[in-house]
């Protein structure tokens, strides 16, 4: 399949790719040039000017990586729609972000997650979390994201890995370096509209080719349409998703700088809450846009050598000349969205939590912005080296590696943030222990699971999602015990509810509507 797409490209396709690059650079330039003098607020938080649509599209653009397009089609091909759980179940944790975490973040007037925890527990906690956040962004966002994008570009264009990742990181780094969050948010709105249009076109062509939706429904095994799989299912048993996914989801949606930064840049609490609600609606589209591609491929091309070829097979076989260029554009789009948002999160945490606090407390605003931009360049270089290192490790299923890595990074973060907002008795000692020793323990178990005693050879392991839940439970319990035994407990600053307006009826109505739709979808896609 590798050279297939390149071999099918027409002059029209090349023209489309060229036009896309020009439009994208134009949008980025306009967003960054609208304010000539960059300040901390404009570089890192878009001058707190983002409305609900920008926030929703930007969070979705950060979330939808190229690995998701390929992996979801692959899982759709081999097991049906079960992977939609990783998108639809998220609405519970997006609701938690909108109603519990976002009001506290905005009332605290912070720019970073370490800054929020520093307000609660002091400088030592802020330092630990700042370095933890930097390592997390570099590994789980930048390096893995860039690697999966490099694999994709290599598949399409047949160029070496190092060329793929260098081109991609330069492209994504341009928007972050020049325009900060505002440029990224504007670019992501354009990118996501493009993604919806192209992916929906592919799905519609596939459905027509199969003979319509009723025909598709009856052409695959019944269990393909079930979101909840039996406990005996080896890949995605219901209890593993029910218990393990929330641990990753709280860390990912409620505490991750790259995801939360759009909400911190909101014009108001209401716009932030509506933006988070909007990404909940956008996630419903994962079924028709990503997963269904794989199910359709299973009907149309049942004898593929590998399920991983499902997405590219659909593109090369079904898209007419002139539209294949759009697919290249969309794949670059989802990559630029993820990488530029992570670069912006990286530069924000380093510039504000490390440089301005620890290295040069007397730094001017101009210095902080300059260091933020330098961090983008260093982050680009590091990500390229890491992506090439990951490429040297062969034979990994991308989606499961992403989920497993997040499953081992997440437990300490989920434990300390949930305790911070729900249990005022939590102490600094408990939080620092969980973030340092707890993280070392959780990541250590992850290294043993993924590399030292892999589950493919050693069958004593539980499912990686269940393992993530068990780690979370142990760390949560340890933090509670340490807090109760801690004689140095100091009451934390109370959360000032008067600092923010109450949740508006419009926000409540839209969240209720989303909950009703989600419950209905879970009822429809089960028992087949």
Protein backbone atom coordinates (compact mmCIF):
# COMPACT_ATOMS: atom_id res chain seq x y z
CA UNK A 1 0.00 0.00 0.00
CA UNK A 2 2.97 2.29 0.68
CA UNK A 3 3.59 3.63 -2.80
CA UNK A 4 0.03 3.04 -3.91
CA UNK A 5 -1.28 6.43 -2.91
CA UNK A 6 1.70 8.31 -4.32
CA UNK A 7 1.36 6.39 -7.58
CA UNK A 8 -2.30 7.46 -7.85
CA UNK A 9 -1.76 11.17 -7.32
CA UNK A 10 -2.79 13.47 -10.17
CA UNK A 11 -1.79 17.11 -10.79
CA UNK A 12 -5.09 18.04 -9.10
CA UNK A 13 -3.97 16.27 -5.91
CA UNK A 14 -0.69 18.18 -5.85
CA UNK A 15 -2.57 21.44 -6.43
CA UNK A 16 -4.90 20.67 -3.48
CA UNK A 17 -1.95 19.99 -1.14
CA UNK A 18 -0.23 23.22 -2.26
CA UNK A 19 -3.44 25.27 -1.79
CA UNK A 20 -3.92 23.78 1.69
CA UNK A 21 -0.41 24.75 2.78
CA UNK A 22 -0.91 28.33 1.53
CA UNK A 23 -4.30 28.67 3.33
CA UNK A 24 -2.91 27.21 6.55
CA UNK A 25 0.13 29.49 6.62
CA UNK A 26 -2.17 32.44 5.82
CA UNK A 27 -4.50 31.66 8.75
CA UNK A 28 -1.54 31.20 11.11
CA UNK A 29 0.09 34.43 9.92
CA UNK A 30 -3.10 36.49 10.33
CA UNK A 31 -3.73 35.13 13.83
CA UNK A 32 -0.16 35.81 14.96
CA UNK A 33 0.20 39.20 13.21
CA UNK A 34 -3.02 40.60 14.69
CA UNK A 35 -1.03 41.39 17.84
CA UNK A 36 2.48 42.43 16.95
CA UNK A 37 3.80 42.60 20.52
CA UNK A 38 3.44 39.12 22.02
CA UNK A 39 2.74 39.02 25.77
CA UNK A 40 2.65 35.99 28.10
CA UNK A 41 -1.14 36.09 27.96
CA UNK A 42 -1.34 36.22 24.16
CA UNK A 43 1.42 33.66 23.51
CA UNK A 44 0.27 31.04 26.01
CA UNK A 45 -3.45 31.73 26.63
CA UNK A 46 -4.63 33.56 23.45
CA UNK A 47 -5.24 36.70 25.60
CA UNK A 48 -8.17 34.79 27.18
CA UNK A 49 -10.16 35.44 23.99
CA UNK A 50 -11.31 31.94 22.94
CA UNK A 51 -15.00 31.24 22.36
CA UNK A 52 -16.75 27.85 22.68
CA UNK A 53 -16.24 26.79 19.03
CA UNK A 54 -12.49 27.49 19.10
CA UNK A 55 -12.14 25.67 22.43
CA UNK A 56 -14.10 22.61 21.25
CA UNK A 57 -12.35 22.31 17.89
CA UNK A 58 -8.93 22.96 19.45
CA UNK A 59 -9.40 20.31 22.16
CA UNK A 60 -10.67 17.88 19.53
CA UNK A 61 -7.76 18.75 17.23
CA UNK A 62 -5.34 18.07 20.10
CA UNK A 63 -7.11 14.76 20.83
CA UNK A 64 -7.45 13.37 17.28
CA UNK A 65 -4.00 12.17 16.34
CA UNK A 66 -3.07 10.35 13.13
CA UNK A 67 -2.69 7.14 15.14
CA UNK A 68 -6.40 7.42 15.95
CA UNK A 69 -7.38 7.50 12.28
CA UNK A 70 -5.31 4.44 11.46
CA UNK A 71 -5.86 2.54 14.71
CA UNK A 72 -9.63 3.06 14.89
CA UNK A 73 -10.03 1.82 11.30
CA UNK A 74 -7.83 -1.16 12.20
CA UNK A 75 -9.88 -2.01 15.33
CA UNK A 76 -13.13 -1.46 13.37
CA UNK A 77 -11.89 -3.95 10.77
CA UNK A 78 -10.96 -6.66 13.29
CA UNK A 79 -13.45 -6.25 16.18
CA UNK A 80 -16.21 -3.78 15.24
CA UNK A 81 -17.18 -0.61 17.12
CA UNK A 82 -15.90 -1.44 20.65
CA UNK A 83 -13.15 1.23 20.41
CA UNK A 84 -15.86 3.94 20.29
CA UNK A 85 -15.90 3.52 24.10
CA UNK A 86 -12.61 5.44 24.20
CA UNK A 87 -14.49 8.39 22.67
CA UNK A 88 -18.07 8.19 23.96
CA UNK A 89 -17.34 7.22 27.58
CA UNK A 90 -15.22 10.41 27.69
CA UNK A 91 -18.34 12.61 28.03
CA UNK A 92 -18.52 11.75 31.78
CA UNK A 93 -15.00 13.09 32.34
CA UNK A 94 -15.50 16.09 30.07
CA UNK A 95 -18.51 16.92 32.28
CA UNK A 96 -16.20 16.63 35.31
CA UNK A 97 -13.76 19.06 33.65
CA UNK A 98 -16.52 21.57 32.79
CA UNK A 99 -18.35 21.58 36.16
CA UNK A 100 -15.70 20.70 38.79
CA UNK A 101 -12.20 21.44 37.49
CA UNK A 102 -12.68 24.41 35.09
CA UNK A 103 -14.39 26.67 37.69
CA UNK A 104 -11.50 26.07 40.11
CA UNK A 105 -8.82 26.62 37.45
CA UNK A 106 -10.39 29.87 36.25
CA UNK A 107 -11.06 31.14 39.80
CA UNK A 108 -7.38 30.51 40.62
CA UNK A 109 -6.38 32.61 37.55
CA UNK A 110 -3.58 30.17 36.64
CA UNK A 111 -1.87 29.56 33.29
CA UNK A 112 -0.65 26.03 34.04
CA UNK A 113 -1.66 22.91 35.96
CA UNK A 114 1.55 22.98 38.08
CA UNK A 115 0.67 26.61 38.89
CA UNK A 116 -2.76 25.52 40.19
CA UNK A 117 -1.28 22.79 42.41
CA UNK A 118 1.41 25.24 43.58
CA UNK A 119 -1.36 27.55 44.85
CA UNK A 120 -2.84 24.65 46.80
CA UNK A 121 0.31 23.07 48.27
CA UNK A 122 3.27 25.41 47.70
CA UNK A 123 6.41 25.59 45.58
CA UNK A 124 7.70 22.04 46.12
CA UNK A 125 4.54 20.52 44.64
CA UNK A 126 4.63 22.97 41.73
CA UNK A 127 8.24 21.99 40.93
CA UNK A 128 7.56 18.23 41.00
CA UNK A 129 4.45 18.59 38.83
CA UNK A 130 6.17 20.98 36.38
CA UNK A 131 8.93 18.46 35.61
CA UNK A 132 6.42 15.59 35.53
CA UNK A 133 4.27 17.57 33.06
CA UNK A 134 7.27 18.38 30.84
CA UNK A 135 8.36 14.72 30.65
CA UNK A 136 4.75 13.63 30.00
CA UNK A 137 4.29 16.15 27.16
CA UNK A 138 7.64 15.25 25.59
CA UNK A 139 7.05 11.49 25.66
CA UNK A 140 3.32 10.82 25.45
CA UNK A 141 2.36 13.76 23.23
CA UNK A 142 5.28 14.93 21.14
CA UNK A 143 7.41 11.84 20.61
CA UNK A 144 4.66 9.23 20.17
CA UNK A 145 2.53 11.68 18.15
CA UNK A 146 5.38 12.58 15.85
CA UNK A 147 6.37 8.93 15.45
CA UNK A 148 2.87 7.88 14.37
CA UNK A 149 2.74 10.81 11.96
CA UNK A 150 6.14 9.88 10.55
CA UNK A 151 4.91 6.31 9.97
CA UNK A 152 1.94 7.71 8.10
CA UNK A 153 3.90 10.10 5.88
CA UNK A 154 6.38 7.33 5.17
CA UNK A 155 3.48 5.04 4.16
CA UNK A 156 2.04 7.66 1.80
CA UNK A 157 5.14 9.21 0.27
CA UNK A 158 7.71 6.42 0.68
CA UNK A 159 10.34 8.78 2.13
CA UNK A 160 12.69 7.87 5.03
CA UNK A 161 11.44 8.30 8.61
CA UNK A 162 13.85 11.11 9.50
CA UNK A 163 12.67 13.22 6.55
CA UNK A 164 9.01 12.62 7.47
CA UNK A 165 9.39 13.73 11.09
CA UNK A 166 11.60 16.75 10.34
CA UNK A 167 9.11 18.14 7.78
CA UNK A 168 6.15 17.57 10.14
CA UNK A 169 7.78 19.09 13.21
CA UNK A 170 8.93 22.20 11.29
CA UNK A 171 5.40 22.71 9.97
CA UNK A 172 3.76 22.31 13.40
CA UNK A 173 6.47 24.30 15.17
CA UNK A 174 5.91 27.29 12.86
CA UNK A 175 2.43 28.05 14.28
CA UNK A 176 3.45 27.57 17.89
CA UNK A 177 6.60 29.68 17.51
CA UNK A 178 4.93 32.49 15.58
CA UNK A 179 1.45 32.79 17.02
CA UNK A 180 1.04 30.78 20.22
CA UNK A 181 -2.34 29.43 21.29
CA UNK A 182 -4.43 31.87 19.25
CA UNK A 183 -2.83 30.84 15.94
CA UNK A 184 -3.11 27.15 16.86
CA UNK A 185 -6.79 27.49 17.81
CA UNK A 186 -7.66 29.30 14.54
CA UNK A 187 -5.72 26.77 12.46
CA UNK A 188 -7.36 23.85 14.29
CA UNK A 189 -10.90 25.05 13.52
CA UNK A 190 -10.05 25.00 9.80
CA UNK A 191 -8.27 21.63 10.10
CA UNK A 192 -11.12 19.89 11.93
CA UNK A 193 -13.78 21.10 9.48
CA UNK A 194 -11.59 19.67 6.74
CA UNK A 195 -11.20 16.38 8.63
CA UNK A 196 -14.98 16.04 9.04
CA UNK A 197 -15.62 16.77 5.36
CA UNK A 198 -13.03 14.34 3.98
CA UNK A 199 -13.69 11.49 6.44
CA UNK A 200 -17.45 11.74 5.96
CA UNK A 201 -16.99 11.62 2.17
CA UNK A 202 -14.95 8.42 2.51
CA UNK A 203 -17.63 6.85 4.75
CA UNK A 204 -20.49 7.84 2.39
CA UNK A 205 -18.67 6.42 -0.67
CA UNK A 206 -18.05 3.20 1.32
CA UNK A 207 -21.68 2.89 2.46
CA UNK A 208 -22.94 3.39 -1.14
CA UNK A 209 -20.45 0.78 -2.38
CA UNK A 210 -21.68 -1.76 0.21
CA UNK A 211 -25.31 -1.12 -0.79
CA UNK A 212 -26.59 1.11 2.02
CA UNK A 213 -26.65 1.11 5.83
CA UNK A 214 -29.12 -1.83 6.27
CA UNK A 215 -26.89 -3.95 4.03
CA UNK A 216 -23.81 -2.94 6.05
CA UNK A 217 -25.61 -3.74 9.33
CA UNK A 218 -26.30 -7.32 8.21
CA UNK A 219 -22.96 -7.92 6.43
CA UNK A 220 -20.84 -8.21 9.59
CA UNK A 221 -21.11 -10.44 12.71
CA UNK A 222 -23.70 -9.13 15.22
CA UNK A 223 -21.14 -8.49 17.96
CA UNK A 224 -19.44 -5.91 15.70
CA UNK A 225 -22.23 -3.48 16.71
CA UNK A 226 -21.81 -3.96 20.50
CA UNK A 227 -20.07 -1.33 22.62
CA UNK A 228 -20.04 -3.61 25.66
CA UNK A 229 -18.15 -6.87 25.15
CA UNK A 230 -18.42 -9.91 27.47
CA UNK A 231 -16.00 -10.38 30.38
CA UNK A 232 -14.35 -13.25 28.49
CA UNK A 233 -13.40 -10.99 25.56
CA UNK A 234 -9.56 -11.04 25.42
CA UNK A 235 -9.09 -7.53 23.95
CA UNK A 236 -11.72 -5.19 25.47
CA UNK A 237 -13.76 -6.90 28.26
CA UNK A 238 -16.45 -4.59 29.68
CA UNK A 239 -14.96 -4.43 33.20
CA UNK A 240 -11.52 -3.33 31.91
CA UNK A 241 -13.01 -0.31 30.10
CA UNK A 242 -15.39 0.49 32.97
CA UNK A 243 -12.62 0.53 35.63
CA UNK A 244 -9.44 1.43 33.74
CA UNK A 245 -10.57 4.05 31.24
CA UNK A 246 -11.64 6.62 33.92
CA UNK A 247 -8.11 6.68 35.38
CA UNK A 248 -6.63 7.71 32.01
CA UNK A 249 -9.59 9.98 31.18
CA UNK A 250 -9.35 12.09 34.37
CA UNK A 251 -5.60 12.57 33.81
CA UNK A 252 -6.05 13.25 30.09
CA UNK A 253 -9.11 15.53 29.98
CA UNK A 254 -9.02 17.19 33.42
CA UNK A 255 -5.32 17.61 34.28
CA UNK A 256 -3.32 17.52 31.03
CA UNK A 257 -1.84 20.90 30.09
CA UNK A 258 -2.22 20.31 26.33
CA UNK A 259 -5.96 19.54 26.72
CA UNK A 260 -6.86 22.05 29.46
CA UNK A 261 -4.94 25.02 28.00
CA UNK A 262 -7.79 25.85 25.59
CA UNK A 263 -10.19 26.13 28.56
CA UNK A 264 -7.70 28.34 30.45
CA UNK A 265 -7.75 30.64 27.40
CA UNK A 266 -11.58 30.91 27.49
CA UNK A 267 -13.27 34.31 27.28
CA UNK A 268 -15.43 33.34 30.29
CA UNK A 269 -16.37 30.29 32.38
CA UNK A 270 -19.54 29.82 30.32
CA UNK A 271 -17.60 29.80 27.03
CA UNK A 272 -15.15 27.30 28.54
CA UNK A 273 -17.98 25.01 29.71
CA UNK A 274 -19.76 25.25 26.34
CA UNK A 275 -16.46 24.49 24.55
CA UNK A 276 -15.95 21.33 26.61
CA UNK A 277 -19.58 20.36 25.92
CA UNK A 278 -18.94 20.89 22.19
CA UNK A 279 -16.04 18.42 22.13
CA UNK A 280 -18.44 15.90 23.73
CA UNK A 281 -20.77 16.29 20.72
CA UNK A 282 -17.83 16.16 18.29
CA UNK A 283 -16.72 12.83 19.81
CA UNK A 284 -19.99 11.23 18.67
CA UNK A 285 -18.63 11.66 15.13
CA UNK A 286 -15.82 9.17 15.85
CA UNK A 287 -18.14 6.33 14.83
CA UNK A 288 -19.03 7.55 11.31
CA UNK A 289 -15.69 9.31 10.69
CA UNK A 290 -13.11 6.80 11.95
CA UNK A 291 -14.45 3.42 13.14
CA UNK A 292 -16.98 2.84 10.36
CA UNK A 293 -14.17 3.11 7.80
CA UNK A 294 -12.71 -0.11 9.24
CA UNK A 295 -16.07 -1.93 9.38
CA UNK A 296 -16.76 -0.96 5.74
CA UNK A 297 -13.30 -2.17 4.76
CA UNK A 298 -14.06 -5.54 6.44
CA UNK A 299 -17.09 -5.95 4.14
CA UNK A 300 -15.46 -4.64 0.95
CA UNK A 301 -11.94 -6.08 1.37
CA UNK A 302 -12.22 -9.05 3.79
CA UNK A 303 -8.82 -10.60 3.07
CA UNK A 304 -6.32 -7.87 3.99
CA UNK A 305 -2.87 -9.03 5.07
CA UNK A 306 -3.16 -6.81 8.18
CA UNK A 307 -6.05 -4.81 9.72
CA UNK A 308 -3.60 -1.87 9.96
CA UNK A 309 -3.96 -1.43 6.19
CA UNK A 310 -7.72 -0.77 6.44
CA UNK A 311 -7.63 3.04 6.25
CA UNK A 312 -5.14 3.33 3.39
CA UNK A 313 -6.90 0.53 1.47
CA UNK A 314 -10.20 2.43 1.61
CA UNK A 315 -8.51 5.65 0.47
CA UNK A 316 -6.56 4.15 -2.43
CA UNK A 317 -9.47 1.98 -3.61
CA UNK A 318 -12.45 4.34 -3.24
CA UNK A 319 -11.31 7.93 -3.60
CA UNK A 320 -11.30 9.30 -7.16
CA UNK A 321 -8.32 11.23 -8.55
CA UNK A 322 -8.26 14.75 -7.14
CA UNK A 323 -9.58 13.67 -3.74
CA UNK A 324 -6.53 11.66 -2.70
CA UNK A 325 -4.64 14.92 -2.22
CA UNK A 326 -7.29 15.86 0.34
CA UNK A 327 -6.52 12.72 2.33
CA UNK A 328 -2.84 13.67 2.56
CA UNK A 329 -3.98 17.12 3.65
CA UNK A 330 -6.23 15.70 6.40
CA UNK A 331 -3.55 13.38 7.74
CA UNK A 332 -1.10 16.30 7.92
CA UNK A 333 -3.88 18.38 9.53
CA UNK A 334 -4.52 16.02 12.44
CA UNK A 335 -0.78 15.79 13.01
CA UNK A 336 -0.17 19.53 13.00
CA UNK A 337 -3.11 19.95 15.42
CA UNK A 338 -1.73 17.51 17.98
CA UNK A 339 1.93 18.49 17.74
CA UNK A 340 1.41 22.26 17.77
CA UNK A 341 -0.87 22.06 20.83
CA UNK A 342 1.67 19.91 22.68
CA UNK A 343 4.53 22.26 21.76
CA UNK A 344 2.50 25.18 23.10
CA UNK A 345 1.77 23.30 26.37
CA UNK A 346 5.48 22.43 26.69
CA UNK A 347 6.62 26.02 26.19
CA UNK A 348 3.97 27.34 28.63
CA UNK A 349 4.95 25.00 31.48
CA UNK A 350 8.70 25.50 31.02
CA UNK A 351 8.55 29.29 30.60
CA UNK A 352 6.12 30.00 33.46
CA UNK A 353 6.73 27.20 35.99
CA UNK A 354 10.46 26.54 35.57
CA UNK A 355 12.14 29.61 33.99
CA UNK A 356 10.10 32.46 35.50
CA UNK A 357 9.83 30.80 38.94
CA UNK A 358 13.16 29.02 39.45
CA UNK A 359 15.81 30.11 36.94
CA UNK A 360 15.15 33.85 36.55
CA UNK A 361 12.45 35.19 38.91
CA UNK A 362 13.23 38.78 37.76
CA UNK A 363 12.56 37.97 34.09
CA UNK A 364 10.56 40.52 32.11
CA UNK A 365 7.47 39.47 30.15
CA UNK A 366 9.51 39.72 26.93
CA UNK A 367 12.12 37.33 28.38
CA UNK A 368 9.46 34.78 29.33
CA UNK A 369 7.91 34.84 25.82
CA UNK A 370 11.39 34.50 24.27
CA UNK A 371 12.22 31.49 26.48
CA UNK A 372 8.81 29.99 25.61
CA UNK A 373 9.69 30.23 21.91
CA UNK A 374 13.16 28.75 22.46
CA UNK A 375 11.49 25.85 24.32
CA UNK A 376 9.43 25.18 21.18
CA UNK A 377 12.66 24.77 19.16
CA UNK A 378 14.28 22.49 21.75
CA UNK A 379 11.03 20.47 22.01
CA UNK A 380 11.02 20.03 18.21
CA UNK A 381 14.60 18.68 18.23
CA UNK A 382 13.94 16.33 21.17
CA UNK A 383 10.73 14.99 19.60
CA UNK A 384 12.52 14.19 16.32
CA UNK A 385 15.24 12.23 18.16
CA UNK A 386 12.66 10.36 20.29
CA UNK A 387 10.48 9.54 17.27
CA UNK A 388 13.51 8.05 15.49
CA UNK A 389 14.35 6.06 18.66
CA UNK A 390 10.78 4.70 18.88
CA UNK A 391 11.02 3.76 15.19
CA UNK A 392 13.96 1.50 16.09
CA UNK A 393 11.59 -0.56 18.33
CA UNK A 394 9.58 -2.75 15.97
CA UNK A 395 6.31 -4.60 16.27
CA UNK A 396 4.12 -2.37 18.44
CA UNK A 397 0.38 -1.86 17.99
CA UNK A 398 0.21 1.93 18.09
CA UNK A 399 -3.21 2.42 19.66
CA UNK A 400 -2.61 -0.07 22.48
CA UNK A 401 0.86 1.37 23.14
CA UNK A 402 -0.65 4.88 23.45
CA UNK A 403 -3.39 3.64 25.81
CA UNK A 404 -0.95 1.54 27.87
CA UNK A 405 1.61 4.37 28.23
CA UNK A 406 -1.17 6.76 29.30
CA UNK A 407 -2.46 4.04 31.66
CA UNK A 408 0.85 4.05 33.56
CA UNK A 409 1.42 7.84 33.48
CA UNK A 410 -2.15 8.61 34.62
CA UNK A 411 -2.68 7.00 38.09
CA UNK A 412 -0.61 9.48 40.19
CA UNK A 413 -2.08 12.50 38.38
CA UNK A 414 -5.69 11.30 38.65
CA UNK A 415 -5.23 10.47 42.35
CA UNK A 416 -3.77 13.85 43.41
CA UNK A 417 -6.11 16.04 41.32
CA UNK A 418 -9.26 14.18 42.42
CA UNK A 419 -8.19 14.38 46.08
CA UNK A 420 -7.35 18.08 45.69
CA UNK A 421 -10.81 19.06 44.41
CA UNK A 422 -12.93 16.61 46.43
CA UNK A 423 -11.10 16.19 49.81
CA UNK A 424 -9.78 19.36 51.51
CA UNK A 425 -7.93 17.25 54.12
CA UNK A 426 -5.31 16.17 51.50
CA UNK A 427 -1.84 17.32 52.58
CA UNK A 428 1.25 18.50 50.74
CA UNK A 429 3.25 15.50 51.99
CA UNK A 430 0.69 13.06 50.53
CA UNK A 431 0.59 14.86 47.18
CA UNK A 432 4.39 15.12 46.87
CA UNK A 433 4.78 11.44 47.81
CA UNK A 434 2.22 10.37 45.19
CA UNK A 435 3.73 12.56 42.45
CA UNK A 436 7.33 11.44 43.10
CA UNK A 437 7.48 7.92 44.60
CA UNK A 438 4.01 7.03 43.29
CA UNK A 439 4.99 8.03 39.75
CA UNK A 440 8.24 6.05 39.95
CA UNK A 441 6.26 3.00 41.12
CA UNK A 442 3.56 3.36 38.44
CA UNK A 443 6.02 3.96 35.59
CA UNK A 444 8.25 1.15 36.89
CA UNK A 445 5.35 -1.30 36.68
CA UNK A 446 4.69 0.03 33.17
CA UNK A 447 8.28 -0.64 32.04
CA UNK A 448 8.11 -4.19 33.44
CA UNK A 449 4.72 -4.76 31.74
CA UNK A 450 5.71 -3.37 28.32
CA UNK A 451 9.31 -4.55 28.02
CA UNK A 452 10.70 -6.77 30.81
CA UNK A 453 7.88 -9.32 31.33
CA UNK A 454 5.50 -8.60 28.40
CA UNK A 455 1.98 -10.08 28.69
CA UNK A 456 2.44 -11.86 25.33
CA UNK A 457 4.87 -14.23 27.13
CA UNK A 458 3.78 -13.94 30.78
CA UNK A 459 0.08 -14.63 31.22
CA UNK A 460 -0.23 -13.67 34.91
CA UNK A 461 -0.87 -9.99 34.06
CA UNK A 462 -4.40 -8.53 34.22
CA UNK A 463 -5.61 -6.40 31.27
CA UNK A 464 -3.52 -3.19 31.06
CA UNK A 465 -6.61 -1.07 31.83
CA UNK A 466 -7.32 -3.14 34.98
CA UNK A 467 -3.64 -2.79 35.95
CA UNK A 468 -3.97 0.99 35.58
CA UNK A 469 -7.03 0.97 37.88
CA UNK A 470 -5.21 -1.14 40.51
CA UNK A 471 -2.24 1.27 40.49
CA UNK A 472 -4.64 4.20 40.90
CA UNK A 473 -6.43 2.50 43.83
CA UNK A 474 -3.11 1.77 45.62
CA UNK A 475 -1.84 5.37 45.16
CA UNK A 476 -5.18 6.90 46.21
CA UNK A 477 -5.26 4.78 49.37
CA UNK A 478 -1.62 5.63 50.16
CA UNK A 479 -2.32 9.38 49.75
CA UNK A 480 -5.37 9.19 52.05
CA UNK A 481 -3.42 7.28 54.75
CA UNK A 482 -0.44 9.71 54.56
CA UNK A 483 -2.81 12.70 54.80
CA UNK A 484 -4.57 11.28 57.89
CA UNK A 485 -1.26 10.47 59.63
CA UNK A 486 0.41 13.80 58.66
CA UNK A 487 0.84 15.97 61.76
CA UNK A 488 2.04 18.97 59.71
CA UNK A 489 -1.34 19.44 58.01
CA UNK A 490 -2.06 23.07 57.09
CA UNK A 491 -5.55 24.03 55.88
CA UNK A 492 -5.42 24.84 52.15
CA UNK A 493 -6.78 28.11 50.70
CA UNK A 494 -10.54 27.70 50.32
CA UNK A 495 -11.94 27.72 46.81
CA UNK A 496 -13.65 31.07 46.28
CA UNK A 497 -17.00 30.26 44.69
CA UNK A 498 -17.89 33.96 44.50
CA UNK A 499 -14.99 34.58 42.08
CA UNK A 500 -16.92 33.00 39.21
CA UNK A 501 -20.50 33.22 37.98
CA UNK A 502 -22.80 30.25 38.55
CA UNK A 503 -23.29 27.68 35.80
CA UNK A 504 -25.85 29.13 33.38
CA UNK A 505 -29.15 27.41 32.36
CA UNK A 506 -27.85 27.15 28.77
CA UNK A 507 -24.81 25.13 29.93
CA UNK A 508 -27.00 22.86 32.10
CA UNK A 509 -29.44 22.26 29.23
CA UNK A 510 -26.70 21.31 26.73
CA UNK A 511 -25.01 18.92 29.17
CA UNK A 512 -28.38 17.28 29.95
CA UNK A 513 -29.05 16.88 26.21
CA UNK A 514 -25.59 15.33 25.66
CA UNK A 515 -26.14 12.87 28.55
CA UNK A 516 -29.53 11.79 27.13
CA UNK A 517 -28.06 11.26 23.63
CA UNK A 518 -25.10 9.26 25.04
CA UNK A 519 -27.32 6.96 27.10
CA UNK A 520 -29.52 6.40 24.02
CA UNK A 521 -26.46 5.54 21.89
CA UNK A 522 -25.27 2.99 24.47
CA UNK A 523 -28.73 1.39 24.46
CA UNK A 524 -28.87 1.24 20.62
CA UNK A 525 -25.38 -0.25 20.18
CA UNK A 526 -25.72 -3.24 22.49
CA UNK A 527 -27.25 -6.68 22.69
CA UNK A 528 -26.69 -7.58 19.01
